[in-house]
């Protein structure tokens, strides 16, 4: 078995209104004078696991990302090795 580390970033698709990000933008603008602030809010997951090979590891992380961590209707994800 080989050890693997992957990071999965999950955020709303650009076409979905990100209410948390809009709230963050308003809060920052009330506190500071920041020009053209654009925010996106999401989650970051750090995965550490054992797998037989690279192909199996990719399949594991892909399945976790698609089936557990994200909702494909409104979210997108990025896997970083």
PDB file of N, CA and C in Angstrom:
ATOM      1  N   UNK A   1       0.835  -1.191   0.000  1.00  0.00           N
ATOM      2  CA  UNK A   1       0.000   0.000   0.000  1.00  0.00           C
ATOM      3  C   UNK A   1       0.878   1.252   0.000  1.00  0.00           C
ATOM      4  N   UNK A   2       0.369   2.243  -0.678  1.00  0.00           N
ATOM      5  CA  UNK A   2       1.064   3.516  -0.785  1.00  0.00           C
ATOM      6  C   UNK A   2       0.197   4.593  -0.139  1.00  0.00           C
ATOM      7  N   UNK A   3       0.818   5.553   0.527  1.00  0.00           N
ATOM      8  CA  UNK A   3       0.084   6.638   1.174  1.00  0.00           C
ATOM      9  C   UNK A   3      -0.194   7.757   0.175  1.00  0.00           C
ATOM     10  N   UNK A   4      -1.394   8.321   0.267  1.00  0.00           N
ATOM     11  CA  UNK A   4      -1.792   9.416  -0.618  1.00  0.00           C
ATOM     12  C   UNK A   4      -2.376  10.551   0.205  1.00  0.00           C
ATOM     13  N   UNK A   5      -2.186  11.760  -0.294  1.00  0.00           N
ATOM     14  CA  UNK A   5      -2.780  12.966   0.273  1.00  0.00           C
ATOM     15  C   UNK A   5      -3.465  13.715  -0.861  1.00  0.00           C
ATOM     16  N   UNK A   6      -4.686  14.126  -0.622  1.00  0.00           N
ATOM     17  CA  UNK A   6      -5.411  14.916  -1.608  1.00  0.00           C
ATOM     18  C   UNK A   6      -6.199  15.994  -0.879  1.00  0.00           C
ATOM     19  N   UNK A   7      -6.338  17.122  -1.537  1.00  0.00           N
ATOM     20  CA  UNK A   7      -7.174  18.205  -1.037  1.00  0.00           C
ATOM     21  C   UNK A   7      -8.308  18.385  -2.030  1.00  0.00           C
ATOM     22  N   UNK A   8      -9.526  18.481  -1.512  1.00  0.00           N
ATOM     23  CA  UNK A   8     -10.692  18.686  -2.369  1.00  0.00           C
ATOM     24  C   UNK A   8     -11.312  20.025  -1.992  1.00  0.00           C
ATOM     25  N   UNK A   9     -11.411  20.924  -2.978  1.00  0.00           N
ATOM     26  CA  UNK A   9     -12.050  22.220  -2.778  1.00  0.00           C
ATOM     27  C   UNK A   9     -13.445  22.145  -3.396  1.00  0.00           C
ATOM     28  N   UNK A  10     -14.458  22.475  -2.598  1.00  0.00           N
ATOM     29  CA  UNK A  10     -15.840  22.448  -3.072  1.00  0.00           C
ATOM     30  C   UNK A  10     -16.427  23.842  -2.921  1.00  0.00           C
ATOM     31  N   UNK A  11     -17.025  24.353  -4.004  1.00  0.00           N
ATOM     32  CA  UNK A  11     -17.664  25.665  -3.939  1.00  0.00           C
ATOM     33  C   UNK A  11     -18.871  25.675  -4.874  1.00  0.00           C
ATOM     34  N   UNK A  12     -19.722  26.676  -4.681  1.00  0.00           N
ATOM     35  CA  UNK A  12     -20.892  26.798  -5.535  1.00  0.00           C
ATOM     36  C   UNK A  12     -20.464  27.104  -6.965  1.00  0.00           C
ATOM     37  N   UNK A  13     -21.229  26.608  -7.923  1.00  0.00           N
ATOM     38  CA  UNK A  13     -20.975  26.943  -9.327  1.00  0.00           C
ATOM     39  C   UNK A  13     -21.166  28.445  -9.519  1.00  0.00           C
ATOM     40  N   UNK A  14     -20.467  29.034 -10.484  1.00  0.00           N
ATOM     41  CA  UNK A  14     -20.572  30.490 -10.699  1.00  0.00           C
ATOM     42  C   UNK A  14     -21.996  30.962 -11.011  1.00  0.00           C
ATOM     43  N   UNK A  15     -22.818  30.089 -11.532  1.00  0.00           N
ATOM     44  CA  UNK A  15     -24.188  30.484 -11.879  1.00  0.00           C
ATOM     45  C   UNK A  15     -25.133  30.475 -10.677  1.00  0.00           C
ATOM     46  N   UNK A  16     -24.671  29.972  -9.533  1.00  0.00           N
ATOM     47  CA  UNK A  16     -25.486  29.898  -8.325  1.00  0.00           C
ATOM     48  C   UNK A  16     -25.168  31.099  -7.427  1.00  0.00           C
ATOM     49  N   UNK A  17     -26.191  31.759  -6.935  1.00  0.00           N
ATOM     50  CA  UNK A  17     -25.995  32.919  -6.068  1.00  0.00           C
ATOM     51  C   UNK A  17     -25.398  32.469  -4.731  1.00  0.00           C
ATOM     52  N   UNK A  18     -24.258  33.041  -4.385  1.00  0.00           N
ATOM     53  CA  UNK A  18     -23.526  32.683  -3.172  1.00  0.00           C
ATOM     54  C   UNK A  18     -23.867  33.691  -2.070  1.00  0.00           C
ATOM     55  N   UNK A  19     -24.915  33.396  -1.306  1.00  0.00           N
ATOM     56  CA  UNK A  19     -25.403  34.301  -0.272  1.00  0.00           C
ATOM     57  C   UNK A  19     -24.353  34.556   0.807  1.00  0.00           C
ATOM     58  N   UNK A  20     -23.622  33.519   1.213  1.00  0.00           N
ATOM     59  CA  UNK A  20     -22.587  33.695   2.238  1.00  0.00           C
ATOM     60  C   UNK A  20     -21.500  34.647   1.749  1.00  0.00           C
ATOM     61  N   UNK A  21     -21.117  34.529   0.500  1.00  0.00           N
ATOM     62  CA  UNK A  21     -20.083  35.405  -0.063  1.00  0.00           C
ATOM     63  C   UNK A  21     -20.581  36.846  -0.136  1.00  0.00           C
ATOM     64  N   UNK A  22     -21.836  37.036  -0.523  1.00  0.00           N
ATOM     65  CA  UNK A  22     -22.398  38.393  -0.572  1.00  0.00           C
ATOM     66  C   UNK A  22     -22.437  39.018   0.818  1.00  0.00           C
ATOM     67  N   UNK A  23     -22.784  38.216   1.817  1.00  0.00           N
ATOM     68  CA  UNK A  23     -22.799  38.698   3.203  1.00  0.00           C
ATOM     69  C   UNK A  23     -21.389  39.080   3.653  1.00  0.00           C
ATOM     70  N   UNK A  24     -20.403  38.256   3.291  1.00  0.00           N
ATOM     71  CA  UNK A  24     -19.010  38.547   3.618  1.00  0.00           C
ATOM     72  C   UNK A  24     -18.560  39.849   2.960  1.00  0.00           C
ATOM     73  N   UNK A  25     -18.899  40.029   1.697  1.00  0.00           N
ATOM     74  CA  UNK A  25     -18.526  41.255   0.982  1.00  0.00           C
ATOM     75  C   UNK A  25     -19.100  42.483   1.680  1.00  0.00           C
ATOM     76  N   UNK A  26     -20.372  42.419   2.073  1.00  0.00           N
ATOM     77  CA  UNK A  26     -21.003  43.559   2.758  1.00  0.00           C
ATOM     78  C   UNK A  26     -20.326  43.840   4.093  1.00  0.00           C
ATOM     79  N   UNK A  27     -20.021  42.788   4.850  1.00  0.00           N
ATOM     80  CA  UNK A  27     -19.370  42.963   6.148  1.00  0.00           C
ATOM     81  C   UNK A  27     -17.997  43.604   5.997  1.00  0.00           C
ATOM     82  N   UNK A  28     -17.226  43.135   5.029  1.00  0.00           N
ATOM     83  CA  UNK A  28     -15.887  43.689   4.802  1.00  0.00           C
ATOM     84  C   UNK A  28     -15.990  45.148   4.376  1.00  0.00           C
ATOM     85  N   UNK A  29     -16.941  45.446   3.473  1.00  0.00           N
ATOM     86  CA  UNK A  29     -17.092  46.827   3.004  1.00  0.00           C
ATOM     87  C   UNK A  29     -17.573  47.762   4.109  1.00  0.00           C
ATOM     88  N   UNK A  30     -18.318  47.232   5.095  1.00  0.00           N
ATOM     89  CA  UNK A  30     -18.728  48.053   6.236  1.00  0.00           C
ATOM     90  C   UNK A  30     -17.555  48.332   7.174  1.00  0.00           C
ATOM     91  N   UNK A  31     -16.611  47.427   7.202  1.00  0.00           N
ATOM     92  CA  UNK A  31     -15.472  47.545   8.111  1.00  0.00           C
ATOM     93  C   UNK A  31     -14.284  48.274   7.486  1.00  0.00           C
ATOM     94  N   UNK A  32     -14.042  48.018   6.218  1.00  0.00           N
ATOM     95  CA  UNK A  32     -12.862  48.550   5.529  1.00  0.00           C
ATOM     96  C   UNK A  32     -13.253  49.188   4.200  1.00  0.00           C
ATOM     97  N   UNK A  33     -12.382  50.043   3.709  1.00  0.00           N
ATOM     98  CA  UNK A  33     -12.591  50.635   2.389  1.00  0.00           C
ATOM     99  C   UNK A  33     -11.850  49.782   1.360  1.00  0.00           C
ATOM    100  N   UNK A  34     -12.519  48.739   0.859  1.00  0.00           N
ATOM    101  CA  UNK A  34     -11.913  47.829  -0.103  1.00  0.00           C
ATOM    102  C   UNK A  34     -12.628  47.996  -1.440  1.00  0.00           C
ATOM    103  N   UNK A  35     -11.867  48.175  -2.479  1.00  0.00           N
ATOM    104  CA  UNK A  35     -12.436  48.391  -3.805  1.00  0.00           C
ATOM    105  C   UNK A  35     -12.616  47.069  -4.549  1.00  0.00           C
ATOM    106  N   UNK A  36     -13.759  46.881  -5.164  1.00  0.00           N
ATOM    107  CA  UNK A  36     -14.045  45.737  -6.052  1.00  0.00           C
ATOM    108  C   UNK A  36     -13.793  44.376  -5.401  1.00  0.00           C
ATOM    109  N   UNK A  37     -14.204  44.215  -4.151  1.00  0.00           N
ATOM    110  CA  UNK A  37     -14.029  42.943  -3.461  1.00  0.00           C
ATOM    111  C   UNK A  37     -15.028  41.918  -3.997  1.00  0.00           C
ATOM    112  N   UNK A  38     -14.552  40.768  -4.399  1.00  0.00           N
ATOM    113  CA  UNK A  38     -15.389  39.652  -4.845  1.00  0.00           C
ATOM    114  C   UNK A  38     -15.007  38.430  -4.027  1.00  0.00           C
ATOM    115  N   UNK A  39     -15.989  37.783  -3.432  1.00  0.00           N
ATOM    116  CA  UNK A  39     -15.737  36.625  -2.587  1.00  0.00           C
ATOM    117  C   UNK A  39     -16.484  35.405  -3.108  1.00  0.00           C
ATOM    118  N   UNK A  40     -15.933  34.242  -2.824  1.00  0.00           N
ATOM    119  CA  UNK A  40     -16.601  32.960  -3.038  1.00  0.00           C
ATOM    120  C   UNK A  40     -16.348  32.158  -1.781  1.00  0.00           C
ATOM    121  N   UNK A  41     -17.368  31.518  -1.281  1.00  0.00           N
ATOM    122  CA  UNK A  41     -17.249  30.729  -0.063  1.00  0.00           C
ATOM    123  C   UNK A  41     -17.359  29.257  -0.425  1.00  0.00           C
ATOM    124  N   UNK A  42     -16.552  28.440   0.211  1.00  0.00           N
ATOM    125  CA  UNK A  42     -16.591  27.006  -0.056  1.00  0.00           C
ATOM    126  C   UNK A  42     -15.984  26.236   1.096  1.00  0.00           C
ATOM    127  N   UNK A  43     -15.735  24.973   0.847  1.00  0.00           N
ATOM    128  CA  UNK A  43     -15.135  24.096   1.851  1.00  0.00           C
ATOM    129  C   UNK A  43     -13.887  23.441   1.273  1.00  0.00           C
ATOM    130  N   UNK A  44     -12.929  23.197   2.156  1.00  0.00           N
ATOM    131  CA  UNK A  44     -11.706  22.496   1.773  1.00  0.00           C
ATOM    132  C   UNK A  44     -11.597  21.243   2.638  1.00  0.00           C
ATOM    133  N   UNK A  45     -11.395  20.110   1.992  1.00  0.00           N
ATOM    134  CA  UNK A  45     -11.272  18.826   2.677  1.00  0.00           C
ATOM    135  C   UNK A  45      -9.891  18.252   2.405  1.00  0.00           C
ATOM    136  N   UNK A  46      -9.226  17.838   3.462  1.00  0.00           N
ATOM    137  CA  UNK A  46      -7.915  17.205   3.352  1.00  0.00           C
ATOM    138  C   UNK A  46      -8.093  15.703   3.579  1.00  0.00           C
ATOM    139  N   UNK A  47      -7.682  14.913   2.606  1.00  0.00           N
ATOM    140  CA  UNK A  47      -7.835  13.461   2.675  1.00  0.00           C
ATOM    141  C   UNK A  47      -6.469  12.793   2.725  1.00  0.00           C
ATOM    142  N   UNK A  48      -6.294  11.890   3.669  1.00  0.00           N
ATOM    143  CA  UNK A  48      -5.087  11.071   3.774  1.00  0.00           C
ATOM    144  C   UNK A  48      -5.537   9.620   3.827  1.00  0.00           C
ATOM    145  N   UNK A  49      -4.980   8.795   2.948  1.00  0.00           N
ATOM    146  CA  UNK A  49      -5.424   7.400   2.879  1.00  0.00           C
ATOM    147  C   UNK A  49      -4.377   6.538   2.195  1.00  0.00           C
ATOM    148  N   UNK A  50      -4.585   5.223   2.264  1.00  0.00           N
ATOM    149  CA  UNK A  50      -3.718   4.259   1.584  1.00  0.00           C
ATOM    150  C   UNK A  50      -4.460   3.677   0.388  1.00  0.00           C
ATOM    151  N   UNK A  51      -3.721   3.440  -0.681  1.00  0.00           N
ATOM    152  CA  UNK A  51      -4.279   2.801  -1.875  1.00  0.00           C
ATOM    153  C   UNK A  51      -3.185   1.977  -2.542  1.00  0.00           C
ATOM    154  N   UNK A  52      -3.594   1.041  -3.364  1.00  0.00           N
ATOM    155  CA  UNK A  52      -2.653   0.155  -4.061  1.00  0.00           C
ATOM    156  C   UNK A  52      -1.782   0.909  -5.068  1.00  0.00           C
ATOM    157  N   UNK A  53      -2.405   1.869  -5.795  1.00  0.00           N
ATOM    158  CA  UNK A  53      -1.671   2.582  -6.849  1.00  0.00           C
ATOM    159  C   UNK A  53      -2.346   3.925  -7.141  1.00  0.00           C
ATOM    160  N   UNK A  54      -1.752   4.702  -8.051  1.00  0.00           N
ATOM    161  CA  UNK A  54      -2.273   6.029  -8.395  1.00  0.00           C
ATOM    162  C   UNK A  54      -3.692   5.959  -8.952  1.00  0.00           C
ATOM    163  N   UNK A  55      -3.939   4.989  -9.805  1.00  0.00           N
ATOM    164  CA  UNK A  55      -5.253   4.861 -10.439  1.00  0.00           C
ATOM    165  C   UNK A  55      -6.341   4.613  -9.393  1.00  0.00           C
ATOM    166  N   UNK A  56      -6.079   3.720  -8.445  1.00  0.00           N
ATOM    167  CA  UNK A  56      -7.053   3.436  -7.396  1.00  0.00           C
ATOM    168  C   UNK A  56      -7.256   4.674  -6.512  1.00  0.00           C
ATOM    169  N   UNK A  57      -6.180   5.382  -6.205  1.00  0.00           N
ATOM    170  CA  UNK A  57      -6.277   6.592  -5.389  1.00  0.00           C
ATOM    171  C   UNK A  57      -7.133   7.650  -6.080  1.00  0.00           C
ATOM    172  N   UNK A  58      -6.924   7.841  -7.375  1.00  0.00           N
ATOM    173  CA  UNK A  58      -7.723   8.804  -8.134  1.00  0.00           C
ATOM    174  C   UNK A  58      -9.200   8.433  -8.107  1.00  0.00           C
ATOM    175  N   UNK A  59      -9.484   7.145  -8.266  1.00  0.00           N
ATOM    176  CA  UNK A  59     -10.875   6.684  -8.250  1.00  0.00           C
ATOM    177  C   UNK A  59     -11.510   6.911  -6.873  1.00  0.00           C
ATOM    178  N   UNK A  60     -10.768   6.643  -5.818  1.00  0.00           N
ATOM    179  CA  UNK A  60     -11.270   6.848  -4.457  1.00  0.00           C
ATOM    180  C   UNK A  60     -11.632   8.312  -4.234  1.00  0.00           C
ATOM    181  N   UNK A  61     -10.717   9.204  -4.565  1.00  0.00           N
ATOM    182  CA  UNK A  61     -10.952  10.632  -4.331  1.00  0.00           C
ATOM    183  C   UNK A  61     -12.065  11.152  -5.228  1.00  0.00           C
ATOM    184  N   UNK A  62     -12.115  10.691  -6.465  1.00  0.00           N
ATOM    185  CA  UNK A  62     -13.186  11.094  -7.393  1.00  0.00           C
ATOM    186  C   UNK A  62     -14.545  10.681  -6.834  1.00  0.00           C
ATOM    187  N   UNK A  63     -14.655   9.457  -6.350  1.00  0.00           N
ATOM    188  CA  UNK A  63     -15.918   8.961  -5.804  1.00  0.00           C
ATOM    189  C   UNK A  63     -16.315   9.726  -4.556  1.00  0.00           C
ATOM    190  N   UNK A  64     -15.376   9.952  -3.661  1.00  0.00           N
ATOM    191  CA  UNK A  64     -15.669  10.726  -2.442  1.00  0.00           C
ATOM    192  C   UNK A  64     -16.159  12.125  -2.813  1.00  0.00           C
ATOM    193  N   UNK A  65     -15.466  12.745  -3.769  1.00  0.00           N
ATOM    194  CA  UNK A  65     -15.813  14.113  -4.174  1.00  0.00           C
ATOM    195  C   UNK A  65     -17.206  14.184  -4.787  1.00  0.00           C
ATOM    196  N   UNK A  66     -17.513  13.253  -5.661  1.00  0.00           N
ATOM    197  CA  UNK A  66     -18.797  13.271  -6.369  1.00  0.00           C
ATOM    198  C   UNK A  66     -19.962  12.807  -5.503  1.00  0.00           C
ATOM    199  N   UNK A  67     -19.747  11.776  -4.705  1.00  0.00           N
ATOM    200  CA  UNK A  67     -20.855  11.139  -3.986  1.00  0.00           C
ATOM    201  C   UNK A  67     -21.092  11.689  -2.577  1.00  0.00           C
ATOM    202  N   UNK A  68     -20.054  12.254  -1.963  1.00  0.00           N
ATOM    203  CA  UNK A  68     -20.187  12.668  -0.565  1.00  0.00           C
ATOM    204  C   UNK A  68     -19.971  14.175  -0.370  1.00  0.00           C
ATOM    205  N   UNK A  69     -18.909  14.707  -0.939  1.00  0.00           N
ATOM    206  CA  UNK A  69     -18.523  16.074  -0.616  1.00  0.00           C
ATOM    207  C   UNK A  69     -19.260  17.158  -1.396  1.00  0.00           C
ATOM    208  N   UNK A  70     -19.772  16.838  -2.580  1.00  0.00           N
ATOM    209  CA  UNK A  70     -20.384  17.880  -3.405  1.00  0.00           C
ATOM    210  C   UNK A  70     -21.749  17.465  -3.932  1.00  0.00           C
ATOM    211  N   UNK A  71     -22.530  18.469  -4.252  1.00  0.00           N
ATOM    212  CA  UNK A  71     -23.825  18.292  -4.902  1.00  0.00           C
ATOM    213  C   UNK A  71     -23.646  18.786  -6.334  1.00  0.00           C
ATOM    214  N   UNK A  72     -23.619  17.884  -7.295  1.00  0.00           N
ATOM    215  CA  UNK A  72     -23.278  18.233  -8.677  1.00  0.00           C
ATOM    216  C   UNK A  72     -24.256  19.213  -9.327  1.00  0.00           C
ATOM    217  N   UNK A  73     -25.426  19.374  -8.764  1.00  0.00           N
ATOM    218  CA  UNK A  73     -26.406  20.307  -9.326  1.00  0.00           C
ATOM    219  C   UNK A  73     -25.977  21.752  -9.083  1.00  0.00           C
ATOM    220  N   UNK A  74     -25.430  22.033  -7.893  1.00  0.00           N
ATOM    221  CA  UNK A  74     -25.116  23.413  -7.547  1.00  0.00           C
ATOM    222  C   UNK A  74     -23.647  23.662  -7.215  1.00  0.00           C
ATOM    223  N   UNK A  75     -22.849  22.602  -7.087  1.00  0.00           N
ATOM    224  CA  UNK A  75     -21.463  22.769  -6.671  1.00  0.00           C
ATOM    225  C   UNK A  75     -20.494  22.164  -7.679  1.00  0.00           C
ATOM    226  N   UNK A  76     -19.276  22.670  -7.614  1.00  0.00           N
ATOM    227  CA  UNK A  76     -18.176  22.112  -8.388  1.00  0.00           C
ATOM    228  C   UNK A  76     -17.033  21.837  -7.427  1.00  0.00           C
ATOM    229  N   UNK A  77     -16.142  20.940  -7.823  1.00  0.00           N
ATOM    230  CA  UNK A  77     -15.021  20.605  -6.958  1.00  0.00           C
ATOM    231  C   UNK A  77     -13.735  20.550  -7.756  1.00  0.00           C
ATOM    232  N   UNK A  78     -12.645  20.699  -7.031  1.00  0.00           N
ATOM    233  CA  UNK A  78     -11.301  20.625  -7.613  1.00  0.00           C
ATOM    234  C   UNK A  78     -10.474  19.737  -6.713  1.00  0.00           C
ATOM    235  N   UNK A  79      -9.753  18.809  -7.310  1.00  0.00           N
ATOM    236  CA  UNK A  79      -8.884  17.904  -6.553  1.00  0.00           C
ATOM    237  C   UNK A  79      -7.442  18.358  -6.745  1.00  0.00           C
ATOM    238  N   UNK A  80      -6.726  18.499  -5.635  1.00  0.00           N
ATOM    239  CA  UNK A  80      -5.327  18.895  -5.663  1.00  0.00           C
ATOM    240  C   UNK A  80      -4.528  17.798  -4.996  1.00  0.00           C
ATOM    241  N   UNK A  81      -3.528  17.285  -5.707  1.00  0.00           N
ATOM    242  CA  UNK A  81      -2.681  16.207  -5.163  1.00  0.00           C
ATOM    243  C   UNK A  81      -1.428  16.763  -4.577  1.00  0.00           C
TER     244      UNK A  81
END
